[in-house]
């Protein structure tokens, strides 16, 4: 199934939820080892669908500036790195038990 990240922007000092990044993740475990794969990242907001994050420009055209598209991709990358860190920490704790 699809998972989601909420992407925010700060406007006039207020943090506003502006968009969602949908993605898939597979986690497989075997013989006390695990692998994960995050893939199929796509952007959607009330302004339009930016599409796949690997695109150089948003698929929706003028729904956001190029700078906003780059911030969205950067913020998504940071959020996934946090998810991976939490996943790895959780798996280490379970492995020690």
C-alpha atoms as a PDB file:
ATOM      1  CA  UNK A   1       0.000   0.000   0.000  1.00  0.00           C
ATOM      2  CA  UNK A   2       0.881   3.645  -0.236  1.00  0.00           C
ATOM      3  CA  UNK A   3       2.350   5.552   2.673  1.00  0.00           C
ATOM      4  CA  UNK A   4       2.482   9.306   3.029  1.00  0.00           C
ATOM      5  CA  UNK A   5       4.766  12.064   4.225  1.00  0.00           C
ATOM      6  CA  UNK A   6       3.354  15.491   4.951  1.00  0.00           C
ATOM      7  CA  UNK A   7       5.424  18.318   3.550  1.00  0.00           C
ATOM      8  CA  UNK A   8       5.135  21.707   5.207  1.00  0.00           C
ATOM      9  CA  UNK A   9       6.095  25.208   4.278  1.00  0.00           C
ATOM     10  CA  UNK A  10       6.548  28.207   6.525  1.00  0.00           C
ATOM     11  CA  UNK A  11       4.530  31.260   5.587  1.00  0.00           C
ATOM     12  CA  UNK A  12       4.533  34.368   7.772  1.00  0.00           C
ATOM     13  CA  UNK A  13       6.088  32.331  10.591  1.00  0.00           C
ATOM     14  CA  UNK A  14       3.316  29.702  10.487  1.00  0.00           C
ATOM     15  CA  UNK A  15       4.072  26.097   9.560  1.00  0.00           C
ATOM     16  CA  UNK A  16       1.433  25.046   6.992  1.00  0.00           C
ATOM     17  CA  UNK A  17       0.898  21.521   5.724  1.00  0.00           C
ATOM     18  CA  UNK A  18       1.091  22.089   2.021  1.00  0.00           C
ATOM     19  CA  UNK A  19       1.458  18.739   0.296  1.00  0.00           C
ATOM     20  CA  UNK A  20       1.713  15.000   0.590  1.00  0.00           C
ATOM     21  CA  UNK A  21       4.420  12.732  -0.724  1.00  0.00           C
ATOM     22  CA  UNK A  22       3.107   9.237  -1.349  1.00  0.00           C
ATOM     23  CA  UNK A  23       5.525   6.334  -1.518  1.00  0.00           C
ATOM     24  CA  UNK A  24       5.837   2.589  -1.242  1.00  0.00           C
ATOM     25  CA  UNK A  25       8.128   0.680   1.078  1.00  0.00           C
ATOM     26  CA  UNK A  26       9.080  -2.973   1.245  1.00  0.00           C
ATOM     27  CA  UNK A  27      10.705  -4.412   4.352  1.00  0.00           C
ATOM     28  CA  UNK A  28      11.857  -8.007   4.206  1.00  0.00           C
ATOM     29  CA  UNK A  29      13.385 -10.019   7.031  1.00  0.00           C
ATOM     30  CA  UNK A  30      15.240 -13.311   6.890  1.00  0.00           C
ATOM     31  CA  UNK A  31      17.897 -15.041   8.987  1.00  0.00           C
ATOM     32  CA  UNK A  32      18.260 -12.132  11.453  1.00  0.00           C
ATOM     33  CA  UNK A  33      18.821  -9.694   8.587  1.00  0.00           C
ATOM     34  CA  UNK A  34      16.535  -7.189   6.983  1.00  0.00           C
ATOM     35  CA  UNK A  35      16.343  -5.105   3.844  1.00  0.00           C
ATOM     36  CA  UNK A  36      14.207  -2.131   3.008  1.00  0.00           C
ATOM     37  CA  UNK A  37      13.346  -0.338  -0.177  1.00  0.00           C
ATOM     38  CA  UNK A  38      11.557   3.016  -0.418  1.00  0.00           C
ATOM     39  CA  UNK A  39      10.317   3.775  -3.920  1.00  0.00           C
ATOM     40  CA  UNK A  40       7.659   5.348  -6.139  1.00  0.00           C
ATOM     41  CA  UNK A  41       7.674   8.813  -4.536  1.00  0.00           C
ATOM     42  CA  UNK A  42       4.966  11.115  -5.893  1.00  0.00           C
ATOM     43  CA  UNK A  43       3.822  14.608  -4.916  1.00  0.00           C
ATOM     44  CA  UNK A  44       0.218  15.797  -4.527  1.00  0.00           C
ATOM     45  CA  UNK A  45      -1.194  18.997  -3.066  1.00  0.00           C
ATOM     46  CA  UNK A  46      -4.334  21.061  -3.231  1.00  0.00           C
ATOM     47  CA  UNK A  47      -2.582  23.100  -5.960  1.00  0.00           C
ATOM     48  CA  UNK A  48      -1.904  20.098  -8.201  1.00  0.00           C
ATOM     49  CA  UNK A  49       0.011  16.880  -8.674  1.00  0.00           C
ATOM     50  CA  UNK A  50       3.736  17.430  -9.023  1.00  0.00           C
ATOM     51  CA  UNK A  51       4.193  13.783  -9.932  1.00  0.00           C
ATOM     52  CA  UNK A  52       7.289  11.657  -9.506  1.00  0.00           C
ATOM     53  CA  UNK A  53       9.972  13.249  -7.333  1.00  0.00           C
ATOM     54  CA  UNK A  54      12.731  12.108  -9.666  1.00  0.00           C
ATOM     55  CA  UNK A  55      11.377  14.538 -12.289  1.00  0.00           C
ATOM     56  CA  UNK A  56      13.459  17.664 -12.823  1.00  0.00           C
ATOM     57  CA  UNK A  57      10.327  19.845 -12.850  1.00  0.00           C
ATOM     58  CA  UNK A  58       6.851  19.275 -11.411  1.00  0.00           C
ATOM     59  CA  UNK A  59       4.416  17.543 -13.765  1.00  0.00           C
ATOM     60  CA  UNK A  60       1.714  20.059 -12.847  1.00  0.00           C
ATOM     61  CA  UNK A  61       3.619  22.866 -14.529  1.00  0.00           C
ATOM     62  CA  UNK A  62       2.818  26.067 -12.672  1.00  0.00           C
ATOM     63  CA  UNK A  63       1.444  24.522  -9.481  1.00  0.00           C
ATOM     64  CA  UNK A  64       4.747  25.438  -7.801  1.00  0.00           C
ATOM     65  CA  UNK A  65       7.993  27.221  -8.540  1.00  0.00           C
ATOM     66  CA  UNK A  66      11.182  25.342  -9.301  1.00  0.00           C
ATOM     67  CA  UNK A  67      12.542  26.455  -5.920  1.00  0.00           C
ATOM     68  CA  UNK A  68       9.463  25.025  -4.172  1.00  0.00           C
ATOM     69  CA  UNK A  69       9.877  21.760  -6.123  1.00  0.00           C
ATOM     70  CA  UNK A  70      13.507  21.503  -4.983  1.00  0.00           C
ATOM     71  CA  UNK A  71      12.507  22.240  -1.347  1.00  0.00           C
ATOM     72  CA  UNK A  72       9.814  19.552  -1.564  1.00  0.00           C
ATOM     73  CA  UNK A  73      12.332  16.999  -2.800  1.00  0.00           C
ATOM     74  CA  UNK A  74      14.870  18.030  -0.156  1.00  0.00           C
ATOM     75  CA  UNK A  75      12.326  17.864   2.678  1.00  0.00           C
ATOM     76  CA  UNK A  76      11.115  14.467   1.452  1.00  0.00           C
ATOM     77  CA  UNK A  77      14.681  13.158   1.440  1.00  0.00           C
ATOM     78  CA  UNK A  78      15.216  14.367   5.019  1.00  0.00           C
ATOM     79  CA  UNK A  79      11.975  12.748   6.182  1.00  0.00           C
ATOM     80  CA  UNK A  80      12.870   9.407   4.597  1.00  0.00           C
ATOM     81  CA  UNK A  81      16.315   9.508   6.209  1.00  0.00           C
ATOM     82  CA  UNK A  82      14.600   9.983   9.578  1.00  0.00           C
ATOM     83  CA  UNK A  83      12.290   7.033   8.855  1.00  0.00           C
ATOM     84  CA  UNK A  84      15.287   4.881   7.942  1.00  0.00           C
ATOM     85  CA  UNK A  85      17.084   5.894  11.134  1.00  0.00           C
ATOM     86  CA  UNK A  86      14.067   4.954  13.244  1.00  0.00           C
ATOM     87  CA  UNK A  87      13.686   1.669  11.361  1.00  0.00           C
ATOM     88  CA  UNK A  88      17.343   0.790  11.848  1.00  0.00           C
ATOM     89  CA  UNK A  89      17.222   1.682  15.555  1.00  0.00           C
ATOM     90  CA  UNK A  90      14.122  -0.468  16.022  1.00  0.00           C
ATOM     91  CA  UNK A  91      15.692  -3.417  14.260  1.00  0.00           C
ATOM     92  CA  UNK A  92      18.872  -3.134  16.363  1.00  0.00           C
ATOM     93  CA  UNK A  93      16.854  -3.185  19.589  1.00  0.00           C
ATOM     94  CA  UNK A  94      14.923  -6.244  18.457  1.00  0.00           C
ATOM     95  CA  UNK A  95      18.145  -8.001  17.397  1.00  0.00           C
ATOM     96  CA  UNK A  96      19.699  -7.497  20.848  1.00  0.00           C
ATOM     97  CA  UNK A  97      16.771  -9.169  22.654  1.00  0.00           C
END
